[in-house]
Amino acid sequence: MHVIADLCVVPIGVGVSVSKYVAACGKILEETNLKTQLHAYGTNIEGEWDEVFAAVKRCHETVHEMGAPRISTTLKFGTRSDRHQTMSDKIESVKAKS
């Protein structure tokens, strides 16, 4: 099943700056065949369900291995059964109406 997700991983107990943890997750996502788009408060991910959720799991494992004792993650995701839709499709649809 094709899924579009919005992932925000926040390590807790590591200080104020979390950019090195975000970068580590970004590297994990780059190593996959998933399409990603970094934004100010997370990353959009597009791909097959099992691959997306496996990558999220790897992000958690890696951030814990880096020393974060806790992680708070927000994950929003959507699927469609009526047609195939990409992140770009969704963005273009909104732009066309503005």
PDB file of N, CA and C in Angstrom:
ATOM      1  N   MET A   1       0.843  -1.167   0.000  1.00  0.00           N
ATOM      2  CA  MET A   1       0.000   0.000   0.000  1.00  0.00           C
ATOM      3  C   MET A   1       0.898   1.244   0.000  1.00  0.00           C
ATOM      4  N   HIS A   2       0.571   2.187  -0.861  1.00  0.00           N
ATOM      5  CA  HIS A   2       1.301   3.450  -0.973  1.00  0.00           C
ATOM      6  C   HIS A   2       0.857   4.379   0.152  1.00  0.00           C
ATOM      7  N   VAL A   3       1.818   5.057   0.798  1.00  0.00           N
ATOM      8  CA  VAL A   3       1.500   5.949   1.902  1.00  0.00           C
ATOM      9  C   VAL A   3       2.317   7.230   1.779  1.00  0.00           C
ATOM     10  N   ILE A   4       1.713   8.326   2.195  1.00  0.00           N
ATOM     11  CA  ILE A   4       2.416   9.599   2.346  1.00  0.00           C
ATOM     12  C   ILE A   4       2.380   9.909   3.837  1.00  0.00           C
ATOM     13  N   ALA A   5       3.556  10.140   4.419  1.00  0.00           N
ATOM     14  CA  ALA A   5       3.659  10.352   5.862  1.00  0.00           C
ATOM     15  C   ALA A   5       4.363  11.663   6.157  1.00  0.00           C
ATOM     16  N   ASP A   6       4.083  12.180   7.334  1.00  0.00           N
ATOM     17  CA  ASP A   6       4.770  13.352   7.852  1.00  0.00           C
ATOM     18  C   ASP A   6       5.361  12.937   9.193  1.00  0.00           C
ATOM     19  N   LEU A   7       6.677  12.948   9.288  1.00  0.00           N
ATOM     20  CA  LEU A   7       7.401  12.447  10.449  1.00  0.00           C
ATOM     21  C   LEU A   7       8.131  13.574  11.159  1.00  0.00           C
ATOM     22  N   CYS A   8       7.979  13.620  12.475  1.00  0.00           N
ATOM     23  CA  CYS A   8       8.727  14.564  13.303  1.00  0.00           C
ATOM     24  C   CYS A   8       9.253  13.800  14.511  1.00  0.00           C
ATOM     25  N   VAL A   9      10.568  13.572  14.553  1.00  0.00           N
ATOM     26  CA  VAL A   9      11.220  12.834  15.626  1.00  0.00           C
ATOM     27  C   VAL A   9      11.909  13.844  16.547  1.00  0.00           C
ATOM     28  N   VAL A  10      11.550  13.819  17.834  1.00  0.00           N
ATOM     29  CA  VAL A  10      12.124  14.761  18.797  1.00  0.00           C
ATOM     30  C   VAL A  10      12.781  13.972  19.934  1.00  0.00           C
ATOM     31  N   PRO A  11      14.119  13.948  19.946  1.00  0.00           N
ATOM     32  CA  PRO A  11      14.804  13.298  21.059  1.00  0.00           C
ATOM     33  C   PRO A  11      14.647  14.125  22.330  1.00  0.00           C
ATOM     34  N   ILE A  12      14.484  13.448  23.445  1.00  0.00           N
ATOM     35  CA  ILE A  12      14.310  14.119  24.729  1.00  0.00           C
ATOM     36  C   ILE A  12      15.484  13.746  25.635  1.00  0.00           C
ATOM     37  N   GLY A  13      15.982  14.737  26.366  1.00  0.00           N
ATOM     38  CA  GLY A  13      17.072  14.490  27.294  1.00  0.00           C
ATOM     39  C   GLY A  13      18.442  14.617  26.665  1.00  0.00           C
ATOM     40  N   VAL A  14      18.517  15.366  25.539  1.00  0.00           N
ATOM     41  CA  VAL A  14      19.794  15.506  24.831  1.00  0.00           C
ATOM     42  C   VAL A  14      20.237  16.961  24.713  1.00  0.00           C
ATOM     43  N   GLY A  15      19.541  17.855  25.378  1.00  0.00           N
ATOM     44  CA  GLY A  15      19.874  19.263  25.272  1.00  0.00           C
ATOM     45  C   GLY A  15      18.933  19.992  24.336  1.00  0.00           C
ATOM     46  N   VAL A  16      19.268  21.237  24.063  1.00  0.00           N
ATOM     47  CA  VAL A  16      18.385  22.105  23.289  1.00  0.00           C
ATOM     48  C   VAL A  16      18.445  21.805  21.795  1.00  0.00           C
ATOM     49  N   SER A  17      19.627  21.649  21.242  1.00  0.00           N
ATOM     50  CA  SER A  17      19.765  21.414  19.807  1.00  0.00           C
ATOM     51  C   SER A  17      19.579  19.939  19.473  1.00  0.00           C
ATOM     52  N   VAL A  18      18.733  19.672  18.496  1.00  0.00           N
ATOM     53  CA  VAL A  18      18.493  18.284  18.088  1.00  0.00           C
ATOM     54  C   VAL A  18      18.850  18.051  16.624  1.00  0.00           C
ATOM     55  N   SER A  19      19.511  19.025  15.992  1.00  0.00           N
ATOM     56  CA  SER A  19      19.767  18.932  14.551  1.00  0.00           C
ATOM     57  C   SER A  19      20.616  17.722  14.169  1.00  0.00           C
ATOM     58  N   LYS A  20      21.557  17.296  15.019  1.00  0.00           N
ATOM     59  CA  LYS A  20      22.371  16.137  14.645  1.00  0.00           C
ATOM     60  C   LYS A  20      21.528  14.862  14.608  1.00  0.00           C
ATOM     61  N   TYR A  21      20.499  14.794  15.435  1.00  0.00           N
ATOM     62  CA  TYR A  21      19.604  13.635  15.434  1.00  0.00           C
ATOM     63  C   TYR A  21      18.696  13.667  14.204  1.00  0.00           C
ATOM     64  N   VAL A  22      18.218  14.852  13.879  1.00  0.00           N
ATOM     65  CA  VAL A  22      17.398  15.019  12.675  1.00  0.00           C
ATOM     66  C   VAL A  22      18.224  14.656  11.441  1.00  0.00           C
ATOM     67  N   ALA A  23      19.469  15.098  11.418  1.00  0.00           N
ATOM     68  CA  ALA A  23      20.352  14.781  10.286  1.00  0.00           C
ATOM     69  C   ALA A  23      20.586  13.278  10.177  1.00  0.00           C
ATOM     70  N   ALA A  24      20.716  12.595  11.306  1.00  0.00           N
ATOM     71  CA  ALA A  24      20.912  11.140  11.289  1.00  0.00           C
ATOM     72  C   ALA A  24      19.690  10.444  10.699  1.00  0.00           C
ATOM     73  N   CYS A  25      18.501  10.907  11.063  1.00  0.00           N
ATOM     74  CA  CYS A  25      17.277  10.338  10.480  1.00  0.00           C
ATOM     75  C   CYS A  25      17.211  10.646   8.988  1.00  0.00           C
ATOM     76  N   GLY A  26      17.615  11.860   8.634  1.00  0.00           N
ATOM     77  CA  GLY A  26      17.636  12.227   7.221  1.00  0.00           C
ATOM     78  C   GLY A  26      18.536  11.317   6.415  1.00  0.00           C
ATOM     79  N   LYS A  27      19.680  10.962   6.969  1.00  0.00           N
ATOM     80  CA  LYS A  27      20.606  10.060   6.279  1.00  0.00           C
ATOM     81  C   LYS A  27      19.975   8.681   6.094  1.00  0.00           C
ATOM     82  N   ILE A  28      19.294   8.202   7.111  1.00  0.00           N
ATOM     83  CA  ILE A  28      18.600   6.911   7.009  1.00  0.00           C
ATOM     84  C   ILE A  28      17.592   6.963   5.871  1.00  0.00           C
ATOM     85  N   LEU A  29      16.814   8.039   5.825  1.00  0.00           N
ATOM     86  CA  LEU A  29      15.797   8.164   4.775  1.00  0.00           C
ATOM     87  C   LEU A  29      16.433   8.267   3.392  1.00  0.00           C
ATOM     88  N   GLU A  30      17.581   8.941   3.291  1.00  0.00           N
ATOM     89  CA  GLU A  30      18.269   9.057   2.003  1.00  0.00           C
ATOM     90  C   GLU A  30      18.756   7.698   1.500  1.00  0.00           C
ATOM     91  N   GLU A  31      19.073   6.795   2.417  1.00  0.00           N
ATOM     92  CA  GLU A  31      19.573   5.472   2.043  1.00  0.00           C
ATOM     93  C   GLU A  31      18.471   4.541   1.548  1.00  0.00           C
ATOM     94  N   THR A  32      17.225   4.962   1.672  1.00  0.00           N
ATOM     95  CA  THR A  32      16.098   4.149   1.209  1.00  0.00           C
ATOM     96  C   THR A  32      15.704   4.568  -0.208  1.00  0.00           C
ATOM     97  N   ASN A  33      14.745   3.891  -0.766  1.00  0.00           N
ATOM     98  CA  ASN A  33      14.188   4.271  -2.062  1.00  0.00           C
ATOM     99  C   ASN A  33      12.973   5.174  -1.900  1.00  0.00           C
ATOM    100  N   LEU A  34      12.801   5.716  -0.716  1.00  0.00           N
ATOM    101  CA  LEU A  34      11.645   6.548  -0.429  1.00  0.00           C
ATOM    102  C   LEU A  34      11.874   7.975  -0.906  1.00  0.00           C
ATOM    103  N   LYS A  35      10.807   8.605  -1.328  1.00  0.00           N
ATOM    104  CA  LYS A  35      10.884  10.022  -1.685  1.00  0.00           C
ATOM    105  C   LYS A  35      10.658  10.811  -0.402  1.00  0.00           C
ATOM    106  N   THR A  36      11.516  11.800  -0.147  1.00  0.00           N
ATOM    107  CA  THR A  36      11.392  12.588   1.076  1.00  0.00           C
ATOM    108  C   THR A  36      11.463  14.075   0.767  1.00  0.00           C
ATOM    109  N   GLN A  37      10.912  14.850   1.689  1.00  0.00           N
ATOM    110  CA  GLN A  37      10.970  16.296   1.571  1.00  0.00           C
ATOM    111  C   GLN A  37      11.072  16.870   2.989  1.00  0.00           C
ATOM    112  N   LEU A  38      12.256  17.385   3.329  1.00  0.00           N
ATOM    113  CA  LEU A  38      12.481  17.998   4.625  1.00  0.00           C
ATOM    114  C   LEU A  38      11.735  19.325   4.692  1.00  0.00           C
ATOM    115  N   HIS A  39      11.123  19.604   5.828  1.00  0.00           N
ATOM    116  CA  HIS A  39      10.525  20.915   6.054  1.00  0.00           C
ATOM    117  C   HIS A  39      10.890  21.372   7.461  1.00  0.00           C
ATOM    118  N   ALA A  40      10.451  22.524   7.867  1.00  0.00           N
ATOM    119  CA  ALA A  40      10.924  23.147   9.103  1.00  0.00           C
ATOM    120  C   ALA A  40      10.627  22.338  10.368  1.00  0.00           C
ATOM    121  N   TYR A  41       9.565  21.556  10.362  1.00  0.00           N
ATOM    122  CA  TYR A  41       9.195  20.797  11.559  1.00  0.00           C
ATOM    123  C   TYR A  41       9.019  19.318  11.290  1.00  0.00           C
ATOM    124  N   GLY A  42       9.784  18.782  10.344  1.00  0.00           N
ATOM    125  CA  GLY A  42       9.703  17.354  10.077  1.00  0.00           C
ATOM    126  C   GLY A  42      10.096  17.014   8.659  1.00  0.00           C
ATOM    127  N   THR A  43       9.695  15.827   8.255  1.00  0.00           N
ATOM    128  CA  THR A  43      10.003  15.324   6.923  1.00  0.00           C
ATOM    129  C   THR A  43       8.793  14.607   6.360  1.00  0.00           C
ATOM    130  N   ASN A  44       8.430  14.931   5.126  1.00  0.00           N
ATOM    131  CA  ASN A  44       7.412  14.165   4.411  1.00  0.00           C
ATOM    132  C   ASN A  44       8.095  12.971   3.772  1.00  0.00           C
ATOM    133  N   ILE A  45       7.430  11.833   3.817  1.00  0.00           N
ATOM    134  CA  ILE A  45       7.969  10.590   3.262  1.00  0.00           C
ATOM    135  C   ILE A  45       6.896   9.958   2.404  1.00  0.00           C
ATOM    136  N   GLU A  46       7.306   9.459   1.255  1.00  0.00           N
ATOM    137  CA  GLU A  46       6.373   8.816   0.337  1.00  0.00           C
ATOM    138  C   GLU A  46       6.942   7.480  -0.093  1.00  0.00           C
ATOM    139  N   GLY A  47       6.128   6.432  -0.036  1.00  0.00           N
ATOM    140  CA  GLY A  47       6.573   5.119  -0.493  1.00  0.00           C
ATOM    141  C   GLY A  47       5.620   4.029  -0.061  1.00  0.00           C
ATOM    142  N   GLU A  48       6.096   2.810  -0.136  1.00  0.00           N
ATOM    143  CA  GLU A  48       5.284   1.673   0.271  1.00  0.00           C
ATOM    144  C   GLU A  48       5.249   1.584   1.800  1.00  0.00           C
ATOM    145  N   TRP A  49       4.101   1.218   2.315  1.00  0.00           N
ATOM    146  CA  TRP A  49       3.828   1.183   3.751  1.00  0.00           C
ATOM    147  C   TRP A  49       4.963   0.548   4.557  1.00  0.00           C
ATOM    148  N   ASP A  50       5.314  -0.686   4.227  1.00  0.00           N
ATOM    149  CA  ASP A  50       6.316  -1.413   5.019  1.00  0.00           C
ATOM    150  C   ASP A  50       7.675  -0.722   4.989  1.00  0.00           C
ATOM    151  N   GLU A  51       8.037  -0.144   3.855  1.00  0.00           N
ATOM    152  CA  GLU A  51       9.325   0.550   3.743  1.00  0.00           C
ATOM    153  C   GLU A  51       9.327   1.836   4.565  1.00  0.00           C
ATOM    154  N   VAL A  52       8.233   2.572   4.531  1.00  0.00           N
ATOM    155  CA  VAL A  52       8.138   3.819   5.296  1.00  0.00           C
ATOM    156  C   VAL A  52       8.242   3.526   6.794  1.00  0.00           C
ATOM    157  N   PHE A  53       7.472   2.560   7.259  1.00  0.00           N
ATOM    158  CA  PHE A  53       7.469   2.285   8.688  1.00  0.00           C
ATOM    159  C   PHE A  53       8.753   1.601   9.155  1.00  0.00           C
ATOM    160  N   ALA A  54       9.408   0.867   8.279  1.00  0.00           N
ATOM    161  CA  ALA A  54      10.728   0.308   8.614  1.00  0.00           C
ATOM    162  C   ALA A  54      11.748   1.431   8.777  1.00  0.00           C
ATOM    163  N   ALA A  55      11.662   2.448   7.940  1.00  0.00           N
ATOM    164  CA  ALA A  55      12.579   3.588   8.042  1.00  0.00           C
ATOM    165  C   ALA A  55      12.332   4.371   9.325  1.00  0.00           C
ATOM    166  N   VAL A  56      11.070   4.532   9.709  1.00  0.00           N
ATOM    167  CA  VAL A  56      10.748   5.218  10.967  1.00  0.00           C
ATOM    168  C   VAL A  56      11.336   4.443  12.142  1.00  0.00           C
ATOM    169  N   LYS A  57      11.212   3.139  12.098  1.00  0.00           N
ATOM    170  CA  LYS A  57      11.782   2.294  13.155  1.00  0.00           C
ATOM    171  C   LYS A  57      13.299   2.470  13.218  1.00  0.00           C
ATOM    172  N   ARG A  58      13.949   2.475  12.061  1.00  0.00           N
ATOM    173  CA  ARG A  58      15.406   2.663  12.023  1.00  0.00           C
ATOM    174  C   ARG A  58      15.801   4.030  12.580  1.00  0.00           C
ATOM    175  N   CYS A  59      14.997   5.060  12.317  1.00  0.00           N
ATOM    176  CA  CYS A  59      15.273   6.375  12.892  1.00  0.00           C
ATOM    177  C   CYS A  59      15.254   6.294  14.414  1.00  0.00           C
ATOM    178  N   HIS A  60      14.246   5.653  14.964  1.00  0.00           N
ATOM    179  CA  HIS A  60      14.159   5.527  16.419  1.00  0.00           C
ATOM    180  C   HIS A  60      15.355   4.747  16.971  1.00  0.00           C
ATOM    181  N   GLU A  61      15.677   3.645  16.345  1.00  0.00           N
ATOM    182  CA  GLU A  61      16.808   2.843  16.822  1.00  0.00           C
ATOM    183  C   GLU A  61      18.099   3.651  16.809  1.00  0.00           C
ATOM    184  N   THR A  62      18.308   4.391  15.734  1.00  0.00           N
ATOM    185  CA  THR A  62      19.538   5.171  15.588  1.00  0.00           C
ATOM    186  C   THR A  62      19.615   6.294  16.609  1.00  0.00           C
ATOM    187  N   VAL A  63      18.524   7.011  16.800  1.00  0.00           N
ATOM    188  CA  VAL A  63      18.526   8.118  17.754  1.00  0.00           C
ATOM    189  C   VAL A  63      18.771   7.597  19.179  1.00  0.00           C
ATOM    190  N   HIS A  64      18.202   6.452  19.518  1.00  0.00           N
ATOM    191  CA  HIS A  64      18.495   5.853  20.823  1.00  0.00           C
ATOM    192  C   HIS A  64      19.971   5.464  20.920  1.00  0.00           C
ATOM    193  N   GLU A  65      20.514   4.873  19.848  1.00  0.00           N
ATOM    194  CA  GLU A  65      21.927   4.483  19.837  1.00  0.00           C
ATOM    195  C   GLU A  65      22.841   5.698  19.990  1.00  0.00           C
ATOM    196  N   MET A  66      22.370   6.861  19.541  1.00  0.00           N
ATOM    197  CA  MET A  66      23.150   8.097  19.661  1.00  0.00           C
ATOM    198  C   MET A  66      23.099   8.675  21.080  1.00  0.00           C
ATOM    199  N   GLY A  67      22.321   8.056  21.945  1.00  0.00           N
ATOM    200  CA  GLY A  67      22.295   8.477  23.337  1.00  0.00           C
ATOM    201  C   GLY A  67      21.017   9.112  23.833  1.00  0.00           C
ATOM    202  N   ALA A  68      20.026   9.260  22.983  1.00  0.00           N
ATOM    203  CA  ALA A  68      18.765   9.846  23.440  1.00  0.00           C
ATOM    204  C   ALA A  68      18.003   8.822  24.281  1.00  0.00           C
ATOM    205  N   PRO A  69      17.735   9.137  25.554  1.00  0.00           N
ATOM    206  CA  PRO A  69      17.029   8.180  26.390  1.00  0.00           C
ATOM    207  C   PRO A  69      15.538   8.082  26.068  1.00  0.00           C
ATOM    208  N   ARG A  70      14.986   9.157  25.503  1.00  0.00           N
ATOM    209  CA  ARG A  70      13.567   9.171  25.145  1.00  0.00           C
ATOM    210  C   ARG A  70      13.402   9.830  23.789  1.00  0.00           C
ATOM    211  N   ILE A  71      12.331   9.465  23.102  1.00  0.00           N
ATOM    212  CA  ILE A  71      11.993  10.081  21.817  1.00  0.00           C
ATOM    213  C   ILE A  71      10.483  10.291  21.793  1.00  0.00           C
ATOM    214  N   SER A  72      10.091  11.478  21.377  1.00  0.00           N
ATOM    215  CA  SER A  72       8.682  11.754  21.135  1.00  0.00           C
ATOM    216  C   SER A  72       8.516  11.968  19.639  1.00  0.00           C
ATOM    217  N   THR A  73       7.685  11.162  19.034  1.00  0.00           N
ATOM    218  CA  THR A  73       7.506  11.236  17.584  1.00  0.00           C
ATOM    219  C   THR A  73       6.059  11.538  17.228  1.00  0.00           C
ATOM    220  N   THR A  74       5.904  12.446  16.293  1.00  0.00           N
ATOM    221  CA  THR A  74       4.598  12.704  15.702  1.00  0.00           C
ATOM    222  C   THR A  74       4.634  12.138  14.302  1.00  0.00           C
ATOM    223  N   LEU A  75       3.646  11.319  13.981  1.00  0.00           N
ATOM    224  CA  LEU A  75       3.565  10.709  12.665  1.00  0.00           C
ATOM    225  C   LEU A  75       2.139  10.841  12.160  1.00  0.00           C
ATOM    226  N   LYS A  76       1.999  11.545  11.052  1.00  0.00           N
ATOM    227  CA  LYS A  76       0.707  11.639  10.372  1.00  0.00           C
ATOM    228  C   LYS A  76       0.880  10.915   9.050  1.00  0.00           C
ATOM    229  N   PHE A  77      -0.108  10.180   8.634  1.00  0.00           N
ATOM    230  CA  PHE A  77       0.012   9.503   7.350  1.00  0.00           C
ATOM    231  C   PHE A  77      -1.353   9.303   6.720  1.00  0.00           C
ATOM    232  N   GLY A  78      -1.316   9.184   5.413  1.00  0.00           N
ATOM    233  CA  GLY A  78      -2.548   8.988   4.667  1.00  0.00           C
ATOM    234  C   GLY A  78      -2.343   8.014   3.517  1.00  0.00           C
ATOM    235  N   THR A  79      -3.416   7.322   3.200  1.00  0.00           N
ATOM    236  CA  THR A  79      -3.425   6.391   2.072  1.00  0.00           C
ATOM    237  C   THR A  79      -4.675   6.649   1.245  1.00  0.00           C
ATOM    238  N   ARG A  80      -4.638   6.209   0.013  1.00  0.00           N
ATOM    239  CA  ARG A  80      -5.803   6.310  -0.868  1.00  0.00           C
ATOM    240  C   ARG A  80      -5.991   4.973  -1.557  1.00  0.00           C
ATOM    241  N   SER A  81      -7.230   4.590  -1.747  1.00  0.00           N
ATOM    242  CA  SER A  81      -7.515   3.372  -2.499  1.00  0.00           C
ATOM    243  C   SER A  81      -8.150   3.672  -3.855  1.00  0.00           C
ATOM    244  N   ASP A  82      -8.556   4.936  -4.070  1.00  0.00           N
ATOM    245  CA  ASP A  82      -9.229   5.278  -5.320  1.00  0.00           C
ATOM    246  C   ASP A  82      -8.261   5.625  -6.447  1.00  0.00           C
ATOM    247  N   ARG A  83      -7.039   6.087  -6.092  1.00  0.00           N
ATOM    248  CA  ARG A  83      -6.044   6.392  -7.117  1.00  0.00           C
ATOM    249  C   ARG A  83      -4.682   6.572  -6.457  1.00  0.00           C
ATOM    250  N   HIS A  84      -3.642   6.532  -7.278  1.00  0.00           N
ATOM    251  CA  HIS A  84      -2.284   6.772  -6.806  1.00  0.00           C
ATOM    252  C   HIS A  84      -2.067   8.273  -6.717  1.00  0.00           C
ATOM    253  N   GLN A  85      -1.553   8.737  -5.587  1.00  0.00           N
ATOM    254  CA  GLN A  85      -1.304  10.160  -5.407  1.00  0.00           C
ATOM    255  C   GLN A  85       0.075  10.349  -4.781  1.00  0.00           C
ATOM    256  N   THR A  86       0.810  11.334  -5.279  1.00  0.00           N
ATOM    257  CA  THR A  86       2.140  11.627  -4.758  1.00  0.00           C
ATOM    258  C   THR A  86       2.115  12.912  -3.942  1.00  0.00           C
ATOM    259  N   MET A  87       3.212  13.178  -3.242  1.00  0.00           N
ATOM    260  CA  MET A  87       3.333  14.438  -2.519  1.00  0.00           C
ATOM    261  C   MET A  87       3.218  15.605  -3.488  1.00  0.00           C
ATOM    262  N   SER A  88       3.864  15.485  -4.631  1.00  0.00           N
ATOM    263  CA  SER A  88       3.822  16.544  -5.646  1.00  0.00           C
ATOM    264  C   SER A  88       2.399  16.790  -6.141  1.00  0.00           C
ATOM    265  N   ASP A  89       1.643  15.701  -6.340  1.00  0.00           N
ATOM    266  CA  ASP A  89       0.245  15.837  -6.767  1.00  0.00           C
ATOM    267  C   ASP A  89      -0.542  16.686  -5.766  1.00  0.00           C
ATOM    268  N   LYS A  90      -0.355  16.408  -4.490  1.00  0.00           N
ATOM    269  CA  LYS A  90      -1.092  17.117  -3.453  1.00  0.00           C
ATOM    270  C   LYS A  90      -0.738  18.610  -3.448  1.00  0.00           C
ATOM    271  N   ILE A  91       0.545  18.915  -3.587  1.00  0.00           N
ATOM    272  CA  ILE A  91       1.000  20.303  -3.590  1.00  0.00           C
ATOM    273  C   ILE A  91       0.470  21.042  -4.817  1.00  0.00           C
ATOM    274  N   GLU A  92       0.593  20.406  -5.979  1.00  0.00           N
ATOM    275  CA  GLU A  92       0.114  21.034  -7.220  1.00  0.00           C
ATOM    276  C   GLU A  92      -1.384  21.266  -7.195  1.00  0.00           C
ATOM    277  N   SER A  93      -2.138  20.374  -6.576  1.00  0.00           N
ATOM    278  CA  SER A  93      -3.584  20.541  -6.482  1.00  0.00           C
ATOM    279  C   SER A  93      -3.932  21.808  -5.707  1.00  0.00           C
ATOM    280  N   VAL A  94      -3.233  22.043  -4.607  1.00  0.00           N
ATOM    281  CA  VAL A  94      -3.477  23.252  -3.817  1.00  0.00           C
ATOM    282  C   VAL A  94      -3.040  24.497  -4.569  1.00  0.00           C
ATOM    283  N   LYS A  95      -1.862  24.448  -5.191  1.00  0.00           N
ATOM    284  CA  LYS A  95      -1.359  25.605  -5.944  1.00  0.00           C
ATOM    285  C   LYS A  95      -2.282  25.981  -7.084  1.00  0.00           C
ATOM    286  N   ALA A  96      -2.876  24.995  -7.740  1.00  0.00           N
ATOM    287  CA  ALA A  96      -3.768  25.255  -8.854  1.00  0.00           C
ATOM    288  C   ALA A  96      -5.047  25.984  -8.428  1.00  0.00           C
ATOM    289  N   LYS A  97      -5.377  25.856  -7.160  1.00  0.00           N
ATOM    290  CA  LYS A  97      -6.597  26.482  -6.660  1.00  0.00           C
ATOM    291  C   LYS A  97      -6.345  27.831  -5.995  1.00  0.00           C
ATOM    292  N   SER A  98      -5.095  28.247  -5.927  1.00  0.00           N
ATOM    293  CA  SER A  98      -4.822  29.532  -5.252  1.00  0.00           C
ATOM    294  C   SER A  98      -4.499  30.640  -6.226  1.00  0.00           C
TER     295      SER A  98
END
